[in-house]
N, C-alpha and C. Protein backbone atom coordinates (compact mmCIF):
# COMPACT_ATOMS: atom_id res chain seq x y z
N MET A 1 52.04 132.50 110.47
CA MET A 1 53.01 131.76 109.39
C MET A 1 52.46 131.41 108.16
N LYS A 2 52.71 130.96 107.05
CA LYS A 2 52.27 130.37 105.95
C LYS A 2 52.84 128.64 106.40
N LYS A 3 52.03 127.94 105.66
CA LYS A 3 52.18 126.29 105.94
C LYS A 3 53.84 125.84 105.33
N GLY A 4 54.14 126.61 104.33
CA GLY A 4 55.03 126.04 103.37
C GLY A 4 56.29 126.60 104.48
N CYS A 5 56.08 128.06 104.72
CA CYS A 5 57.27 128.56 106.01
C CYS A 5 57.44 127.81 107.21
N PHE A 6 56.25 127.31 107.70
CA PHE A 6 56.22 126.60 109.06
C PHE A 6 56.90 125.26 108.76
N ALA A 7 56.70 124.33 107.25
CA ALA A 7 57.28 123.30 107.25
C ALA A 7 58.94 123.31 107.07
N LEU A 8 59.01 124.44 106.67
CA LEU A 8 60.83 124.87 106.10
C LEU A 8 61.04 125.08 107.79
N VAL A 9 60.73 125.88 108.42
CA VAL A 9 61.34 126.03 109.99
C VAL A 9 61.78 124.52 110.67
N VAL A 10 60.10 123.54 110.60
CA VAL A 10 60.36 122.28 111.14
C VAL A 10 61.68 121.78 110.32
N LEU A 11 61.61 121.67 109.39
CA LEU A 11 62.77 120.88 108.83
C LEU A 11 64.33 121.41 109.05
N ALA A 12 64.40 122.44 109.32
CA ALA A 12 65.55 123.31 109.50
C ALA A 12 65.69 122.83 111.18
N VAL A 13 64.57 122.94 111.78
CA VAL A 13 65.41 122.43 112.87
C VAL A 13 65.48 121.04 113.36
N ALA A 14 64.67 120.27 112.83
CA ALA A 14 64.82 119.02 112.74
C ALA A 14 66.37 118.42 112.23
N VAL A 15 66.85 119.12 110.90
CA VAL A 15 68.14 119.16 110.41
C VAL A 15 69.04 119.16 111.68
N ALA A 16 68.94 120.42 112.48
CA ALA A 16 70.09 120.84 113.53
C ALA A 16 70.29 120.27 114.65
N ILE A 17 68.65 119.72 114.85
CA ILE A 17 69.01 118.41 116.09
C ILE A 17 69.50 117.26 115.75
N GLY A 18 69.03 116.72 114.46
CA GLY A 18 70.24 116.05 113.69
C GLY A 18 71.59 115.79 113.85
N ALA A 19 72.02 117.26 113.85
CA ALA A 19 73.39 117.22 113.49
C ALA A 19 74.15 117.30 114.71
N VAL A 20 73.14 117.87 115.56
CA VAL A 20 74.00 117.82 116.92
C VAL A 20 73.80 116.12 117.29
N LEU A 21 72.73 115.59 117.62
CA LEU A 21 72.80 114.31 117.86
C LEU A 21 73.73 113.39 116.90
N ALA A 22 73.88 113.45 115.92
CA ALA A 22 74.50 112.66 114.63
C ALA A 22 76.32 113.35 114.73
N GLY A 23 76.20 114.53 114.92
CA GLY A 23 77.88 114.87 114.96
C GLY A 23 78.45 114.78 113.58
N PRO A 24 79.81 114.27 114.03
CA PRO A 24 80.34 113.96 112.66
C PRO A 24 79.76 113.34 111.48
N ARG A 25 79.18 112.57 112.25
CA ARG A 25 78.73 111.20 111.00
C ARG A 25 78.11 112.14 110.02
N LEU A 26 76.94 112.97 110.58
CA LEU A 26 76.26 113.48 109.55
C LEU A 26 76.98 114.50 108.46
N THR A 27 78.02 114.91 109.35
CA THR A 27 78.75 115.78 108.57
C THR A 27 79.50 115.42 107.40
N ASP A 28 80.06 114.15 107.80
CA ASP A 28 80.56 113.32 106.72
C ASP A 28 79.93 112.85 105.98
N GLY A 29 78.63 112.27 106.21
CA GLY A 29 77.58 111.94 105.28
C GLY A 29 77.44 112.78 104.44
N VAL A 30 76.86 114.38 105.00
CA VAL A 30 77.03 115.15 103.60
C VAL A 30 78.11 115.55 102.61
N LEU A 31 79.33 115.14 103.40
CA LEU A 31 80.40 115.77 102.64
C LEU A 31 80.60 114.62 101.66
N ARG A 32 80.34 113.66 101.80
CA ARG A 32 80.78 112.06 101.05
C ARG A 32 79.57 112.41 100.07
N LEU A 33 78.56 113.06 100.23
CA LEU A 33 77.72 112.94 99.11
C LEU A 33 78.24 114.34 98.05
N LEU A 34 78.60 115.27 98.79
CA LEU A 34 79.21 116.47 97.88
C LEU A 34 80.44 116.19 97.19
N TYR A 35 81.39 115.22 97.79
CA TYR A 35 82.73 114.81 97.60
C TYR A 35 82.81 113.22 97.00
N PRO A 36 81.86 112.78 96.04
CA PRO A 36 81.76 111.44 95.96
C PRO A 36 83.20 110.75 95.16
N ARG A 37 83.22 109.63 95.61
CA ARG A 37 84.26 108.65 94.74
C ARG A 37 83.62 107.58 93.81
N SER A 38 83.16 108.57 92.65
CA SER A 38 82.31 107.80 91.57
C SER A 38 83.85 107.39 90.39
N TYR A 39 83.27 106.18 89.90
CA TYR A 39 84.32 105.84 88.84
C TYR A 39 85.65 105.43 89.80
N GLU A 40 84.92 104.59 91.08
CA GLU A 40 86.50 104.85 91.95
C GLU A 40 86.98 103.34 91.48
N GLU A 41 86.82 102.29 90.58
CA GLU A 41 87.63 101.37 90.44
C GLU A 41 88.66 101.80 89.33
N LEU A 42 88.21 102.47 88.26
CA LEU A 42 89.19 103.05 87.05
C LEU A 42 89.84 104.32 87.87
N VAL A 43 89.68 104.91 88.79
CA VAL A 43 90.25 106.05 89.30
C VAL A 43 91.33 105.49 89.79
N GLU A 44 91.29 104.29 90.66
CA GLU A 44 92.21 103.56 91.54
C GLU A 44 93.25 103.03 90.83
N ARG A 45 93.00 102.28 89.54
CA ARG A 45 93.42 101.41 88.61
C ARG A 45 94.68 102.35 87.99
N GLU A 46 93.89 103.58 87.27
CA GLU A 46 94.86 104.40 86.71
C GLU A 46 95.49 105.54 87.52
N ALA A 47 95.18 105.80 89.01
CA ALA A 47 96.44 106.29 89.62
C ALA A 47 97.30 105.83 89.94
N ALA A 48 96.99 104.41 90.42
CA ALA A 48 98.13 103.34 90.44
C ALA A 48 99.09 103.33 89.34
N GLU A 49 98.77 103.26 88.12
CA GLU A 49 99.12 103.08 86.74
C GLU A 49 100.36 104.04 86.59
N PHE A 50 100.14 105.47 87.30
CA PHE A 50 100.60 106.66 86.86
C PHE A 50 101.43 107.47 88.20
N ASP A 51 100.87 106.54 89.08
CA ASP A 51 101.57 106.77 90.46
C ASP A 51 101.43 107.95 90.94
N LEU A 52 100.14 108.07 91.27
CA LEU A 52 99.24 109.51 91.53
C LEU A 52 98.13 109.10 92.90
N ASP A 53 97.94 110.19 93.61
CA ASP A 53 97.17 109.72 95.03
C ASP A 53 95.86 109.73 94.06
N PRO A 54 95.11 108.78 94.38
CA PRO A 54 93.68 108.60 93.72
C PRO A 54 92.97 109.69 94.57
N ASP A 55 93.08 110.52 95.76
CA ASP A 55 92.52 111.60 96.14
C ASP A 55 92.63 112.76 95.14
N LEU A 56 94.11 112.97 94.80
CA LEU A 56 93.88 114.17 93.98
C LEU A 56 92.96 114.12 92.75
N VAL A 57 93.19 112.83 91.96
CA VAL A 57 92.50 112.61 90.91
C VAL A 57 90.77 112.87 91.00
N PHE A 58 90.73 112.13 92.13
CA PHE A 58 89.22 112.29 92.48
C PHE A 58 88.95 113.96 92.46
N ALA A 59 89.80 114.63 93.28
CA ALA A 59 89.72 116.34 93.49
C ALA A 59 89.52 116.97 91.69
N VAL A 60 90.70 116.35 91.29
CA VAL A 60 90.56 117.15 89.74
C VAL A 60 89.63 116.63 88.97
N ILE A 61 88.78 115.49 89.03
CA ILE A 61 87.45 114.94 88.63
C ILE A 61 86.12 115.94 89.09
N ARG A 62 86.34 115.85 89.97
CA ARG A 62 85.32 116.76 91.02
C ARG A 62 85.24 118.26 90.10
N THR A 63 86.28 118.86 90.25
CA THR A 63 86.65 120.28 90.10
C THR A 63 85.90 120.72 88.41
N GLU A 64 86.80 119.34 87.51
CA GLU A 64 86.67 119.89 86.17
C GLU A 64 85.04 119.73 85.87
N SER A 65 84.65 118.50 86.26
CA SER A 65 83.37 118.01 85.29
C SER A 65 82.13 117.56 86.40
N ARG A 66 82.38 117.75 87.69
CA ARG A 66 81.45 117.11 88.61
C ARG A 66 81.26 115.44 88.50
N PHE A 67 81.83 114.91 87.95
CA PHE A 67 81.72 113.57 87.80
C PHE A 67 80.86 113.30 86.46
N ASP A 68 80.82 114.48 85.80
CA ASP A 68 79.87 114.15 84.25
C ASP A 68 80.39 113.84 83.03
N PRO A 69 80.37 112.87 83.03
CA PRO A 69 81.27 112.12 81.61
C PRO A 69 80.97 112.56 80.32
N ASN A 70 79.79 113.56 80.18
CA ASN A 70 79.89 114.03 79.17
C ASN A 70 79.91 115.57 79.07
N ALA A 71 80.54 116.00 79.93
CA ALA A 71 80.74 117.51 80.06
C ALA A 71 81.59 118.01 78.98
N GLN A 72 81.35 119.20 78.82
CA GLN A 72 82.04 119.94 77.84
C GLN A 72 82.31 121.63 78.34
N SER A 73 83.40 122.20 78.21
CA SER A 73 83.67 123.66 78.65
C SER A 73 83.46 124.41 77.61
N HIS A 74 83.64 125.52 77.97
CA HIS A 74 83.43 126.50 76.74
C HIS A 74 84.81 126.46 75.91
N ALA A 75 86.16 126.11 76.62
CA ALA A 75 87.02 125.85 75.82
C ALA A 75 87.23 124.81 75.27
N ASP A 76 86.14 124.17 75.12
CA ASP A 76 86.26 122.62 74.33
C ASP A 76 86.69 121.63 75.09
N ALA A 77 86.90 121.66 76.24
CA ALA A 77 87.72 120.50 77.05
C ALA A 77 86.46 119.64 77.49
N GLN A 78 86.45 118.44 77.43
CA GLN A 78 85.65 117.55 77.00
C GLN A 78 85.74 116.34 78.40
N GLY A 79 84.58 115.49 78.91
CA GLY A 79 84.81 114.40 79.48
C GLY A 79 85.18 114.48 81.42
N LEU A 80 85.29 113.40 81.93
CA LEU A 80 85.50 113.88 83.47
C LEU A 80 86.64 114.43 83.51
N MET A 81 87.55 114.53 83.30
CA MET A 81 88.96 115.40 83.39
C MET A 81 89.04 116.52 83.00
N GLN A 82 88.23 116.96 81.80
CA GLN A 82 87.83 118.01 81.15
C GLN A 82 89.32 118.20 80.07
N LEU A 83 89.73 117.20 79.44
CA LEU A 83 90.81 117.35 78.31
C LEU A 83 90.31 117.98 76.74
N THR A 84 90.97 118.69 76.12
CA THR A 84 90.94 119.20 74.87
C THR A 84 90.98 117.99 73.92
N GLN A 85 90.39 118.00 72.85
CA GLN A 85 91.05 116.65 71.82
C GLN A 85 92.48 116.97 71.44
N GLU A 86 93.08 118.00 71.42
CA GLU A 86 94.40 117.99 71.21
C GLU A 86 95.15 117.40 72.10
N THR A 87 94.88 117.59 73.56
CA THR A 87 95.68 117.07 74.86
C THR A 87 95.65 115.67 74.91
N PHE A 88 94.00 115.42 74.75
CA PHE A 88 93.92 114.01 74.28
C PHE A 88 94.26 113.16 73.89
N THR A 89 94.55 113.60 72.36
CA THR A 89 95.03 112.85 71.08
C THR A 89 96.56 112.83 71.64
N TRP A 90 97.57 113.80 72.14
CA TRP A 90 98.79 113.63 72.57
C TRP A 90 99.02 112.64 73.61
N MET A 91 97.94 112.78 74.73
CA MET A 91 98.00 111.59 75.66
C MET A 91 97.89 110.07 75.09
N VAL A 92 96.79 110.22 74.12
CA VAL A 92 97.04 108.86 73.53
C VAL A 92 98.25 108.09 73.04
N SER A 93 98.77 109.12 72.41
CA SER A 93 100.13 108.82 71.10
C SER A 93 100.86 108.66 72.21
N LEU A 94 100.93 108.97 73.78
CA LEU A 94 102.36 108.75 74.63
C LEU A 94 101.90 107.59 75.16
N TYR A 95 100.52 107.46 75.38
CA TYR A 95 99.93 106.13 76.43
C TYR A 95 98.94 105.34 76.01
N PRO A 96 98.82 105.03 75.25
CA PRO A 96 97.55 104.79 74.76
C PRO A 96 96.54 103.58 75.56
N PRO A 97 95.55 104.21 75.80
CA PRO A 97 94.40 103.20 76.79
C PRO A 97 94.49 101.84 76.56
N GLU A 98 94.36 101.10 77.48
CA GLU A 98 94.63 99.38 77.39
C GLU A 98 93.63 98.75 75.96
N ASN A 99 92.32 99.45 76.50
CA ASN A 99 91.40 98.85 75.36
C ASN A 99 91.56 99.58 74.08
N GLY A 100 92.78 100.26 73.72
CA GLY A 100 92.86 100.92 72.45
C GLY A 100 91.85 101.57 72.11
N GLY A 101 91.04 101.89 72.97
CA GLY A 101 90.01 102.96 72.62
C GLY A 101 90.76 104.53 72.49
N ALA A 102 89.84 105.59 71.92
CA ALA A 102 90.30 106.73 72.03
C ALA A 102 89.14 107.60 72.14
N ASP A 103 88.38 107.57 73.09
CA ASP A 103 87.10 108.41 72.83
C ASP A 103 87.17 109.32 74.19
N VAL A 104 87.34 109.99 73.82
CA VAL A 104 87.38 111.42 74.80
C VAL A 104 86.36 111.48 76.08
N PHE A 105 85.30 111.02 75.67
CA PHE A 105 84.08 110.73 76.26
C PHE A 105 83.90 109.50 77.50
N ASP A 106 84.76 108.25 77.27
CA ASP A 106 84.76 107.30 77.64
C ASP A 106 85.52 107.40 78.98
N PRO A 107 84.69 107.14 79.86
CA PRO A 107 85.11 107.47 81.40
C PRO A 107 87.17 106.93 81.57
N GLY A 108 86.85 105.50 81.11
CA GLY A 108 88.12 104.52 81.04
C GLY A 108 89.08 105.45 80.74
N ASP A 109 88.88 105.88 78.74
CA ASP A 109 90.24 106.51 78.24
C ASP A 109 90.42 108.08 79.06
N ASN A 110 89.28 108.77 79.24
CA ASN A 110 89.11 110.17 79.81
C ASN A 110 90.27 110.40 81.18
N ILE A 111 89.82 109.30 81.97
CA ILE A 111 90.58 109.02 83.21
C ILE A 111 92.02 108.84 82.81
N HIS A 112 91.96 107.49 82.01
CA HIS A 112 93.61 107.16 81.67
C HIS A 112 94.35 108.36 81.34
N CYS A 113 93.63 108.89 80.41
CA CYS A 113 94.96 110.06 79.67
C CYS A 113 94.65 111.25 80.67
N GLY A 114 94.02 111.78 81.46
CA GLY A 114 93.94 112.59 82.20
C GLY A 114 95.35 112.15 83.80
N CYS A 115 94.88 110.85 84.20
CA CYS A 115 96.33 110.68 84.82
C CYS A 115 97.45 110.81 84.02
N ALA A 116 97.62 110.62 82.87
CA ALA A 116 98.62 110.35 82.40
C ALA A 116 99.41 111.80 82.20
N LEU A 117 98.61 113.11 81.69
CA LEU A 117 98.84 114.20 81.89
C LEU A 117 99.33 114.88 83.13
N LEU A 118 98.34 114.58 84.53
CA LEU A 118 98.68 115.05 85.52
C LEU A 118 100.08 114.36 85.91
N ARG A 119 100.61 113.14 85.18
CA ARG A 119 102.12 112.81 85.96
C ARG A 119 103.14 113.61 85.22
N LEU A 120 102.52 113.85 83.81
CA LEU A 120 103.73 114.32 82.86
C LEU A 120 103.96 115.52 83.60
N LEU A 121 102.87 116.49 84.13
CA LEU A 121 103.12 117.87 84.71
C LEU A 121 103.75 117.93 85.86
N LEU A 122 103.53 116.85 86.95
CA LEU A 122 103.64 116.68 88.16
C LEU A 122 105.71 116.14 87.82
N ASP A 123 105.82 115.32 86.79
CA ASP A 123 107.16 115.27 86.71
C ASP A 123 108.17 116.26 85.83
N GLN A 124 107.41 117.35 85.16
CA GLN A 124 107.87 118.13 84.49
C GLN A 124 107.76 119.61 85.53
N TYR A 125 107.04 119.66 86.26
CA TYR A 125 107.31 121.04 87.12
C TYR A 125 107.47 120.30 88.65
N GLY A 126 107.35 119.18 88.97
CA GLY A 126 107.76 119.46 90.29
C GLY A 126 107.12 119.46 91.84
N SER A 127 105.97 120.43 91.19
CA SER A 127 105.20 120.88 92.16
C SER A 127 103.78 120.81 92.00
N LEU A 128 102.72 120.62 92.86
CA LEU A 128 101.60 120.08 92.74
C LEU A 128 100.87 121.58 92.02
N ASP A 129 101.09 122.36 93.04
CA ASP A 129 100.39 123.98 92.40
C ASP A 129 100.39 123.96 90.92
N VAL A 130 101.90 123.89 90.66
CA VAL A 130 102.56 124.51 89.17
C VAL A 130 102.12 123.38 88.20
N ALA A 131 101.90 122.29 88.73
CA ALA A 131 101.22 121.30 87.87
C ALA A 131 99.57 121.58 87.44
N LEU A 132 99.14 121.77 88.59
CA LEU A 132 97.89 122.03 88.23
C LEU A 132 97.34 123.08 87.73
N ALA A 133 98.17 124.41 88.01
CA ALA A 133 98.21 125.69 87.17
C ALA A 133 98.33 125.17 85.33
N ALA A 134 99.36 124.02 85.45
CA ALA A 134 99.56 123.86 83.95
C ALA A 134 98.51 123.19 83.49
N TYR A 135 98.06 122.32 84.06
CA TYR A 135 96.75 120.99 83.74
C TYR A 135 95.60 122.19 83.25
N ASN A 136 95.08 123.27 84.07
CA ASN A 136 94.23 124.62 83.59
C ASN A 136 94.94 125.23 82.64
N ALA A 137 95.68 126.05 82.82
CA ALA A 137 96.49 127.05 81.81
C ALA A 137 97.07 126.92 80.75
N GLY A 138 97.62 125.31 80.80
CA GLY A 138 98.34 125.20 79.57
C GLY A 138 99.93 125.32 79.99
N MET A 139 100.70 124.19 79.59
CA MET A 139 102.15 124.43 79.55
C MET A 139 102.96 125.49 79.19
N GLY A 140 102.36 125.89 78.11
CA GLY A 140 103.68 127.27 77.67
C GLY A 140 103.12 128.58 78.65
N ASN A 141 101.87 128.46 78.69
CA ASN A 141 101.62 129.62 79.92
C ASN A 141 102.45 129.69 81.11
N VAL A 142 102.36 128.72 81.41
CA VAL A 142 103.24 128.40 82.98
C VAL A 142 104.31 128.30 83.09
N SER A 143 105.26 127.71 81.73
CA SER A 143 106.75 127.79 81.66
C SER A 143 106.81 129.27 81.20
N GLU A 144 106.34 130.22 80.79
CA GLU A 144 106.72 131.53 80.61
C GLU A 144 106.41 132.30 81.86
N TRP A 145 105.51 131.95 82.48
CA TRP A 145 105.41 132.40 84.27
C TRP A 145 106.64 132.27 85.27
N LEU A 146 106.77 130.92 84.99
CA LEU A 146 108.16 130.73 85.75
C LEU A 146 109.19 131.21 85.03
N GLN A 147 109.47 132.12 83.90
CA GLN A 147 110.69 132.57 83.55
C GLN A 147 110.11 134.04 84.02
N SER A 148 109.29 134.37 84.98
CA SER A 148 109.10 135.94 84.55
C SER A 148 109.21 136.05 86.34
N GLY A 149 109.85 137.15 86.69
CA GLY A 149 109.75 137.54 87.97
C GLY A 149 108.60 138.10 88.29
N ASP A 150 107.75 138.57 87.80
CA ASP A 150 106.62 139.21 88.32
C ASP A 150 105.54 137.85 88.86
N TYR A 151 105.84 136.65 88.13
CA TYR A 151 104.99 135.53 88.91
C TYR A 151 105.67 134.13 89.54
N SER A 152 107.51 134.45 89.53
CA SER A 152 108.22 133.48 89.97
C SER A 152 109.66 133.72 90.84
N HIS A 153 109.85 133.73 91.80
CA HIS A 153 111.14 134.18 92.68
C HIS A 153 112.49 132.93 92.17
N ASP A 154 111.86 132.10 91.68
CA ASP A 154 112.85 130.78 91.49
C ASP A 154 112.72 130.14 90.39
N GLY A 155 111.77 130.29 90.00
CA GLY A 155 111.86 129.66 88.08
C GLY A 155 111.43 128.18 88.31
N GLU A 156 110.62 127.86 89.61
CA GLU A 156 110.35 126.52 89.86
C GLU A 156 108.91 126.50 90.37
N THR A 157 108.66 127.42 91.14
CA THR A 157 107.49 127.70 91.91
C THR A 157 106.72 129.27 91.36
N LEU A 158 105.11 129.15 91.58
CA LEU A 158 104.75 130.26 91.35
C LEU A 158 104.25 130.82 92.68
N HIS A 159 104.61 132.62 92.83
CA HIS A 159 104.04 133.42 94.05
C HIS A 159 102.89 133.85 93.75
N THR A 160 102.75 134.17 92.25
CA THR A 160 101.31 134.83 91.55
C THR A 160 100.79 134.23 90.70
N ILE A 161 99.86 133.71 90.38
CA ILE A 161 99.00 132.63 89.39
C ILE A 161 98.18 134.29 88.46
N PRO A 162 98.78 134.69 87.13
CA PRO A 162 98.22 135.85 86.62
C PRO A 162 96.86 135.61 86.28
N TYR A 163 96.21 134.35 85.73
CA TYR A 163 95.07 134.08 85.38
C TYR A 163 94.29 134.14 86.86
N PRO A 164 93.36 134.70 86.91
CA PRO A 164 92.52 134.48 87.96
C PRO A 164 91.53 133.25 88.04
N GLU A 165 90.90 132.71 86.82
CA GLU A 165 90.74 131.60 86.79
C GLU A 165 91.45 130.52 87.18
N THR A 166 92.43 130.48 86.62
CA THR A 166 93.52 129.42 86.92
C THR A 166 94.01 129.73 88.51
N ASP A 167 94.46 130.65 89.00
CA ASP A 167 94.23 130.85 90.45
C ASP A 167 93.24 130.18 91.12
N ALA A 168 91.96 130.53 90.57
CA ALA A 168 90.85 130.11 91.70
C ALA A 168 90.61 128.31 91.57
N TYR A 169 91.11 128.15 90.23
CA TYR A 169 91.24 126.53 89.95
C TYR A 169 92.22 125.64 90.81
N VAL A 170 93.10 125.99 90.79
CA VAL A 170 94.37 125.14 91.94
C VAL A 170 94.09 125.44 92.93
N ARG A 171 93.27 126.54 93.95
CA ARG A 171 92.84 126.48 94.96
C ARG A 171 91.49 125.52 95.11
N LYS A 172 91.00 125.57 94.38
CA LYS A 172 89.69 124.73 94.35
C LYS A 172 90.08 123.04 94.43
N VAL A 173 91.22 122.69 93.34
CA VAL A 173 91.50 121.30 93.61
C VAL A 173 92.11 121.04 94.93
N GLN A 174 93.09 122.12 95.52
CA GLN A 174 93.67 121.58 96.57
C GLN A 174 92.84 121.42 97.69
N ARG A 175 91.42 122.58 97.73
CA ARG A 175 90.85 122.38 98.89
C ARG A 175 90.32 121.03 98.66
N ALA A 176 89.53 120.61 97.66
CA ALA A 176 89.19 119.22 97.31
C ALA A 176 89.76 118.08 97.39
N TYR A 177 90.69 118.24 97.19
CA TYR A 177 91.84 117.02 97.40
C TYR A 177 91.96 117.07 99.13
N GLN A 178 91.79 117.98 100.10
CA GLN A 178 92.37 118.23 101.13
C GLN A 178 90.81 117.44 101.88
N ILE A 179 90.10 117.41 101.35
CA ILE A 179 88.42 117.05 101.71
C ILE A 179 88.58 115.60 101.40
N TYR A 180 88.85 115.26 100.14
CA TYR A 180 88.93 113.83 100.07
C TYR A 180 89.79 113.12 100.94
N GLU A 181 91.31 113.64 101.06
CA GLU A 181 92.18 112.84 102.09
C GLU A 181 91.52 112.62 103.60
N LYS A 182 90.66 113.78 104.32
CA LYS A 182 90.26 113.49 105.18
C LYS A 182 89.42 112.86 105.26
N LEU A 183 88.45 112.78 104.27
CA LEU A 183 86.69 112.03 104.54
C LEU A 183 87.34 110.58 104.09
N TYR A 184 88.37 110.25 103.18
CA TYR A 184 88.51 108.80 102.75
C TYR A 184 89.82 108.02 103.51
N SER A 185 90.58 109.06 104.02
CA SER A 185 91.89 108.22 104.07
C SER A 185 91.93 107.32 105.94
């Protein structure tokens, strides 16, 4: 066995023994690294202002940008909560940030407007899954899906999300939300 392979085997055995000895503490420690609460003060403040669970906001940020304030998507969504400039400008007009700023890449402004949008969508649709689908695919698409028997039986919930990316997004945020609740509650 080569030295590099031997070192990897020794490391793997050490990690396995550590996991057995440390048990849930090690698992929680690793999960906390994978699911951080970066920008905690901003998230707590803005979540409180818009009556949102901070764990939900952390789950959205983690899924959208992995806490990179300079993230930019192929659809030109920007910042921590991945807002398009059009959506960001709309939220600023409805809910101006306290500092008067309007910089989509500023963590405070971005989290403020992202939380405002989440609250608006939750109020509009009444369902977390539908609100998350609208956060990802847009209100126009989701409103059309709700009117179609192909996607909604009751006009209020979605039994099928026709965009695979949006369907995966909703599941990712929900999974992250559950992990945040378990780790930090």
